Structure formats: C-alpha cells, structure tokens
Amino acid sequence: MPNKKPVHTDPSDVAAVEGAVEVNGPDAVDVALTPEAAEETSERLLGEAFKARGQRRMKNYPHQPH
C-alpha cells in the first residue's frame, strides 16, 4: 500500500509545559498531551518505528509478502 502522506526526516520538538507535554513538528503538528497520553504515544511510536525500520530493511528481499 503506497504511503499517501509526506514522510518527514526531522523529528518533532517536545517540551513539558505546565503539566502537559507539547509536541510541535513538521506539517503543522501542534498538540498538547497529558503525561499519561504522552507516555502511551511514545510507546506506540517506538514500537511502530521498529516495525517500519524492519519493513524498510526487508523491502528488497523477494521472499517477503507484499
């Protein structure tokens, strides 16, 4: 499945501000999260980052399903 969204190479900026976690990034990302939501999001991001890295490494091997 082709990726329809632009893929950015710059990471988002993250800051703790008055008990919330603010995320500012490419393509107008601007969100404030509770600490709990930020923790869960970070775990999801890390898990999917590992998965995407594996997909990128394995994409040229013909034995992989498409």
PDB file of N, CA and C in Angstrom:
ATOM      1  N   MET A   1       0.848  -1.173   0.000  1.00  0.00           N
ATOM      2  CA  MET A   1       0.000   0.000   0.000  1.00  0.00           C
ATOM      3  C   MET A   1       0.893   1.235   0.000  1.00  0.00           C
ATOM      4  N   PRO A   2       0.752   2.088  -0.998  1.00  0.00           N
ATOM      5  CA  PRO A   2       1.595   3.283  -1.065  1.00  0.00           C
ATOM      6  C   PRO A   2       1.253   4.272   0.042  1.00  0.00           C
ATOM      7  N   ASN A   3       2.293   4.959   0.510  1.00  0.00           N
ATOM      8  CA  ASN A   3       2.125   5.954   1.555  1.00  0.00           C
ATOM      9  C   ASN A   3       1.666   7.257   0.915  1.00  0.00           C
ATOM     10  N   LYS A   4       0.494   7.750   1.290  1.00  0.00           N
ATOM     11  CA  LYS A   4      -0.053   8.967   0.706  1.00  0.00           C
ATOM     12  C   LYS A   4       0.352  10.215   1.472  1.00  0.00           C
ATOM     13  N   LYS A   5       0.938  10.044   2.628  1.00  0.00           N
ATOM     14  CA  LYS A   5       1.342  11.185   3.448  1.00  0.00           C
ATOM     15  C   LYS A   5       2.815  11.474   3.208  1.00  0.00           C
ATOM     16  N   PRO A   6       3.214  12.750   3.277  1.00  0.00           N
ATOM     17  CA  PRO A   6       4.635  13.041   3.154  1.00  0.00           C
ATOM     18  C   PRO A   6       5.410  12.437   4.326  1.00  0.00           C
ATOM     19  N   VAL A   7       6.593  11.970   4.050  1.00  0.00           N
ATOM     20  CA  VAL A   7       7.441  11.393   5.094  1.00  0.00           C
ATOM     21  C   VAL A   7       8.493  12.437   5.458  1.00  0.00           C
ATOM     22  N   HIS A   8       8.483  12.848   6.715  1.00  0.00           N
ATOM     23  CA  HIS A   8       9.396  13.885   7.187  1.00  0.00           C
ATOM     24  C   HIS A   8      10.644  13.260   7.802  1.00  0.00           C
ATOM     25  N   THR A   9      11.754  13.919   7.639  1.00  0.00           N
ATOM     26  CA  THR A   9      13.019  13.420   8.196  1.00  0.00           C
ATOM     27  C   THR A   9      13.403  14.145   9.483  1.00  0.00           C
ATOM     28  N   ASP A  10      12.747  15.238   9.795  1.00  0.00           N
ATOM     29  CA  ASP A  10      13.057  15.993  11.013  1.00  0.00           C
ATOM     30  C   ASP A  10      12.152  15.535  12.151  1.00  0.00           C
ATOM     31  N   PRO A  11      12.711  15.304  13.331  1.00  0.00           N
ATOM     32  CA  PRO A  11      11.888  14.911  14.476  1.00  0.00           C
ATOM     33  C   PRO A  11      11.087  16.096  15.013  1.00  0.00           C
ATOM     34  N   SER A  12      10.068  15.782  15.771  1.00  0.00           N
ATOM     35  CA  SER A  12       9.259  16.819  16.409  1.00  0.00           C
ATOM     36  C   SER A  12       9.973  17.361  17.639  1.00  0.00           C
ATOM     37  N   ASP A  13       9.645  18.598  17.997  1.00  0.00           N
ATOM     38  CA  ASP A  13      10.132  19.181  19.246  1.00  0.00           C
ATOM     39  C   ASP A  13       9.128  18.836  20.339  1.00  0.00           C
ATOM     40  N   VAL A  14       9.617  18.528  21.522  1.00  0.00           N
ATOM     41  CA  VAL A  14       8.768  18.122  22.639  1.00  0.00           C
ATOM     42  C   VAL A  14       9.189  18.902  23.880  1.00  0.00           C
ATOM     43  N   ALA A  15       8.196  19.398  24.644  1.00  0.00           N
ATOM     44  CA  ALA A  15       8.502  20.145  25.859  1.00  0.00           C
ATOM     45  C   ALA A  15       7.417  19.904  26.904  1.00  0.00           C
ATOM     46  N   ALA A  16       7.833  19.848  28.175  1.00  0.00           N
ATOM     47  CA  ALA A  16       6.898  19.796  29.288  1.00  0.00           C
ATOM     48  C   ALA A  16       6.555  21.232  29.655  1.00  0.00           C
ATOM     49  N   VAL A  17       5.259  21.563  29.614  1.00  0.00           N
ATOM     50  CA  VAL A  17       4.815  22.930  29.879  1.00  0.00           C
ATOM     51  C   VAL A  17       3.584  22.879  30.787  1.00  0.00           C
ATOM     52  N   GLU A  18       3.749  23.342  32.009  1.00  0.00           N
ATOM     53  CA  GLU A  18       2.658  23.445  32.970  1.00  0.00           C
ATOM     54  C   GLU A  18       1.874  22.133  33.124  1.00  0.00           C
ATOM     55  N   GLY A  19       2.588  21.031  33.236  1.00  0.00           N
ATOM     56  CA  GLY A  19       1.956  19.745  33.489  1.00  0.00           C
ATOM     57  C   GLY A  19       1.451  19.013  32.259  1.00  0.00           C
ATOM     58  N   ALA A  20       1.710  19.548  31.087  1.00  0.00           N
ATOM     59  CA  ALA A  20       1.331  18.898  29.835  1.00  0.00           C
ATOM     60  C   ALA A  20       2.577  18.694  28.989  1.00  0.00           C
ATOM     61  N   VAL A  21       2.464  17.849  27.986  1.00  0.00           N
ATOM     62  CA  VAL A  21       3.573  17.625  27.057  1.00  0.00           C
ATOM     63  C   VAL A  21       3.158  18.212  25.715  1.00  0.00           C
ATOM     64  N   GLU A  22       3.908  19.202  25.250  1.00  0.00           N
ATOM     65  CA  GLU A  22       3.608  19.838  23.979  1.00  0.00           C
ATOM     66  C   GLU A  22       4.517  19.268  22.895  1.00  0.00           C
ATOM     67  N   VAL A  23       3.896  18.957  21.763  1.00  0.00           N
ATOM     68  CA  VAL A  23       4.618  18.403  20.616  1.00  0.00           C
ATOM     69  C   VAL A  23       4.407  19.344  19.437  1.00  0.00           C
ATOM     70  N   ASN A  24       5.493  19.822  18.856  1.00  0.00           N
ATOM     71  CA  ASN A  24       5.463  20.663  17.670  1.00  0.00           C
ATOM     72  C   ASN A  24       6.363  20.029  16.631  1.00  0.00           C
ATOM     73  N   GLY A  25       5.824  19.827  15.458  1.00  0.00           N
ATOM     74  CA  GLY A  25       6.612  19.146  14.442  1.00  0.00           C
ATOM     75  C   GLY A  25       6.288  19.597  13.046  1.00  0.00           C
ATOM     76  N   PRO A  26       6.817  18.846  12.099  1.00  0.00           N
ATOM     77  CA  PRO A  26       6.600  19.183  10.694  1.00  0.00           C
ATOM     78  C   PRO A  26       5.120  19.089  10.317  1.00  0.00           C
ATOM     79  N   ASP A  27       4.753  19.753   9.257  1.00  0.00           N
ATOM     80  CA  ASP A  27       3.409  19.683   8.693  1.00  0.00           C
ATOM     81  C   ASP A  27       2.366  20.177   9.690  1.00  0.00           C
ATOM     82  N   ALA A  28       2.706  21.202  10.437  1.00  0.00           N
ATOM     83  CA  ALA A  28       1.801  21.882  11.368  1.00  0.00           C
ATOM     84  C   ALA A  28       1.359  21.019  12.553  1.00  0.00           C
ATOM     85  N   VAL A  29       2.151  20.045  12.937  1.00  0.00           N
ATOM     86  CA  VAL A  29       1.833  19.271  14.143  1.00  0.00           C
ATOM     87  C   VAL A  29       1.979  20.204  15.336  1.00  0.00           C
ATOM     88  N   ASP A  30       0.928  20.313  16.121  1.00  0.00           N
ATOM     89  CA  ASP A  30       0.931  21.171  17.306  1.00  0.00           C
ATOM     90  C   ASP A  30      -0.118  20.617  18.263  1.00  0.00           C
ATOM     91  N   VAL A  31       0.337  19.846  19.247  1.00  0.00           N
ATOM     92  CA  VAL A  31      -0.600  19.165  20.133  1.00  0.00           C
ATOM     93  C   VAL A  31      -0.066  19.190  21.559  1.00  0.00           C
ATOM     94  N   ALA A  32      -0.990  19.235  22.521  1.00  0.00           N
ATOM     95  CA  ALA A  32      -0.632  19.130  23.936  1.00  0.00           C
ATOM     96  C   ALA A  32      -1.294  17.871  24.482  1.00  0.00           C
ATOM     97  N   LEU A  33      -0.519  17.067  25.214  1.00  0.00           N
ATOM     98  CA  LEU A  33      -0.993  15.798  25.748  1.00  0.00           C
ATOM     99  C   LEU A  33      -0.810  15.758  27.253  1.00  0.00           C
ATOM    100  N   THR A  34      -1.652  14.982  27.920  1.00  0.00           N
ATOM    101  CA  THR A  34      -1.402  14.714  29.328  1.00  0.00           C
ATOM    102  C   THR A  34      -0.123  13.873  29.408  1.00  0.00           C
ATOM    103  N   PRO A  35       0.525  13.840  30.549  1.00  0.00           N
ATOM    104  CA  PRO A  35       1.715  12.988  30.668  1.00  0.00           C
ATOM    105  C   PRO A  35       1.394  11.524  30.351  1.00  0.00           C
ATOM    106  N   GLU A  36       0.228  11.059  30.778  1.00  0.00           N
ATOM    107  CA  GLU A  36      -0.149   9.664  30.520  1.00  0.00           C
ATOM    108  C   GLU A  36      -0.336   9.403  29.027  1.00  0.00           C
ATOM    109  N   ALA A  37      -0.995  10.315  28.337  1.00  0.00           N
ATOM    110  CA  ALA A  37      -1.190  10.163  26.892  1.00  0.00           C
ATOM    111  C   ALA A  37       0.148  10.248  26.157  1.00  0.00           C
ATOM    112  N   ALA A  38       1.035  11.108  26.634  1.00  0.00           N
ATOM    113  CA  ALA A  38       2.352  11.232  26.014  1.00  0.00           C
ATOM    114  C   ALA A  38       3.161   9.948  26.189  1.00  0.00           C
ATOM    115  N   GLU A  39       3.081   9.340  27.373  1.00  0.00           N
ATOM    116  CA  GLU A  39       3.799   8.078  27.609  1.00  0.00           C
ATOM    117  C   GLU A  39       3.289   6.987  26.678  1.00  0.00           C
ATOM    118  N   GLU A  40       1.967   6.851  26.580  1.00  0.00           N
ATOM    119  CA  GLU A  40       1.394   5.818  25.708  1.00  0.00           C
ATOM    120  C   GLU A  40       1.750   6.083  24.249  1.00  0.00           C
ATOM    121  N   THR A  41       1.677   7.343  23.845  1.00  0.00           N
ATOM    122  CA  THR A  41       2.039   7.706  22.469  1.00  0.00           C
ATOM    123  C   THR A  41       3.495   7.380  22.191  1.00  0.00           C
ATOM    124  N   SER A  42       4.375   7.649  23.146  1.00  0.00           N
ATOM    125  CA  SER A  42       5.798   7.369  22.935  1.00  0.00           C
ATOM    126  C   SER A  42       6.040   5.872  22.775  1.00  0.00           C
ATOM    127  N   GLU A  43       5.318   5.047  23.545  1.00  0.00           N
ATOM    128  CA  GLU A  43       5.464   3.594  23.412  1.00  0.00           C
ATOM    129  C   GLU A  43       4.968   3.125  22.058  1.00  0.00           C
ATOM    130  N   ARG A  44       3.843   3.663  21.611  1.00  0.00           N
ATOM    131  CA  ARG A  44       3.309   3.306  20.294  1.00  0.00           C
ATOM    132  C   ARG A  44       4.252   3.741  19.185  1.00  0.00           C
ATOM    133  N   LEU A  45       4.770   4.956  19.297  1.00  0.00           N
ATOM    134  CA  LEU A  45       5.722   5.461  18.296  1.00  0.00           C
ATOM    135  C   LEU A  45       6.964   4.584  18.208  1.00  0.00           C
ATOM    136  N   LEU A  46       7.511   4.219  19.352  1.00  0.00           N
ATOM    137  CA  LEU A  46       8.714   3.395  19.366  1.00  0.00           C
ATOM    138  C   LEU A  46       8.449   2.027  18.741  1.00  0.00           C
ATOM    139  N   GLY A  47       7.346   1.412  19.107  1.00  0.00           N
ATOM    140  CA  GLY A  47       7.008   0.109  18.545  1.00  0.00           C
ATOM    141  C   GLY A  47       6.837   0.160  17.037  1.00  0.00           C
ATOM    142  N   GLU A  48       6.134   1.159  16.559  1.00  0.00           N
ATOM    143  CA  GLU A  48       5.919   1.280  15.114  1.00  0.00           C
ATOM    144  C   GLU A  48       7.189   1.723  14.384  1.00  0.00           C
ATOM    145  N   ALA A  49       8.057   2.473  15.056  1.00  0.00           N
ATOM    146  CA  ALA A  49       9.337   2.848  14.449  1.00  0.00           C
ATOM    147  C   ALA A  49      10.192   1.614  14.213  1.00  0.00           C
ATOM    148  N   PHE A  50      10.220   0.695  15.187  1.00  0.00           N
ATOM    149  CA  PHE A  50      10.965  -0.560  15.000  1.00  0.00           C
ATOM    150  C   PHE A  50      10.378  -1.360  13.844  1.00  0.00           C
ATOM    151  N   LYS A  51       9.062  -1.421  13.778  1.00  0.00           N
ATOM    152  CA  LYS A  51       8.392  -2.162  12.712  1.00  0.00           C
ATOM    153  C   LYS A  51       8.709  -1.545  11.349  1.00  0.00           C
ATOM    154  N   ALA A  52       8.629  -0.223  11.234  1.00  0.00           N
ATOM    155  CA  ALA A  52       8.902   0.462   9.971  1.00  0.00           C
ATOM    156  C   ALA A  52      10.359   0.289   9.546  1.00  0.00           C
ATOM    157  N   ARG A  53      11.267   0.330  10.514  1.00  0.00           N
ATOM    158  CA  ARG A  53      12.684   0.120  10.191  1.00  0.00           C
ATOM    159  C   ARG A  53      12.894  -1.279   9.618  1.00  0.00           C
ATOM    160  N   GLY A  54      12.236  -2.268  10.201  1.00  0.00           N
ATOM    161  CA  GLY A  54      12.318  -3.633   9.692  1.00  0.00           C
ATOM    162  C   GLY A  54      11.726  -3.739   8.294  1.00  0.00           C
ATOM    163  N   GLN A  55      10.595  -3.088   8.054  1.00  0.00           N
ATOM    164  CA  GLN A  55       9.984  -3.090   6.724  1.00  0.00           C
ATOM    165  C   GLN A  55      10.938  -2.486   5.700  1.00  0.00           C
ATOM    166  N   ARG A  56      11.570  -1.398   6.087  1.00  0.00           N
ATOM    167  CA  ARG A  56      12.494  -0.731   5.161  1.00  0.00           C
ATOM    168  C   ARG A  56      13.690  -1.617   4.846  1.00  0.00           C
ATOM    169  N   ARG A  57      14.202  -2.306   5.867  1.00  0.00           N
ATOM    170  CA  ARG A  57      15.352  -3.192   5.647  1.00  0.00           C
ATOM    171  C   ARG A  57      14.997  -4.395   4.784  1.00  0.00           C
ATOM    172  N   MET A  58      13.779  -4.908   4.937  1.00  0.00           N
ATOM    173  CA  MET A  58      13.397  -6.149   4.266  1.00  0.00           C
ATOM    174  C   MET A  58      12.709  -5.947   2.913  1.00  0.00           C
ATOM    175  N   LYS A  59      12.459  -4.710   2.498  1.00  0.00           N
ATOM    176  CA  LYS A  59      11.648  -4.469   1.302  1.00  0.00           C
ATOM    177  C   LYS A  59      12.269  -5.009   0.016  1.00  0.00           C
ATOM    178  N   ASN A  60      13.577  -5.172  -0.042  1.00  0.00           N
ATOM    179  CA  ASN A  60      14.222  -5.635  -1.264  1.00  0.00           C
ATOM    180  C   ASN A  60      14.443  -7.140  -1.313  1.00  0.00           C
ATOM    181  N   TYR A  61      13.970  -7.848  -0.295  1.00  0.00           N
ATOM    182  CA  TYR A  61      14.120  -9.304  -0.283  1.00  0.00           C
ATOM    183  C   TYR A  61      12.868  -9.926  -0.888  1.00  0.00           C
ATOM    184  N   PRO A  62      13.028 -10.735  -1.930  1.00  0.00           N
ATOM    185  CA  PRO A  62      11.856 -11.261  -2.655  1.00  0.00           C
ATOM    186  C   PRO A  62      11.003 -12.237  -1.853  1.00  0.00           C
ATOM    187  N   HIS A  63      11.514 -12.811  -0.769  1.00  0.00           N
ATOM    188  CA  HIS A  63      10.733 -13.774  -0.010  1.00  0.00           C
ATOM    189  C   HIS A  63       9.692 -13.118   0.901  1.00  0.00           C
ATOM    190  N   GLN A  64       9.699 -11.818   0.975  1.00  0.00           N
ATOM    191  CA  GLN A  64       8.761 -11.116   1.842  1.00  0.00           C
ATOM    192  C   GLN A  64       7.410 -10.937   1.133  1.00  0.00           C
ATOM    193  N   PRO A  65       6.292 -11.186   1.819  1.00  0.00           N
ATOM    194  CA  PRO A  65       4.978 -10.939   1.218  1.00  0.00           C
ATOM    195  C   PRO A  65       4.755  -9.453   0.974  1.00  0.00           C
ATOM    196  N   HIS A  66       3.983  -9.124   0.009  1.00  0.00           N
ATOM    197  CA  HIS A  66       3.705  -7.714  -0.314  1.00  0.00           C
ATOM    198  C   HIS A  66       2.372  -7.300   0.201  1.00  0.00           C
TER     199      HIS A  66
END
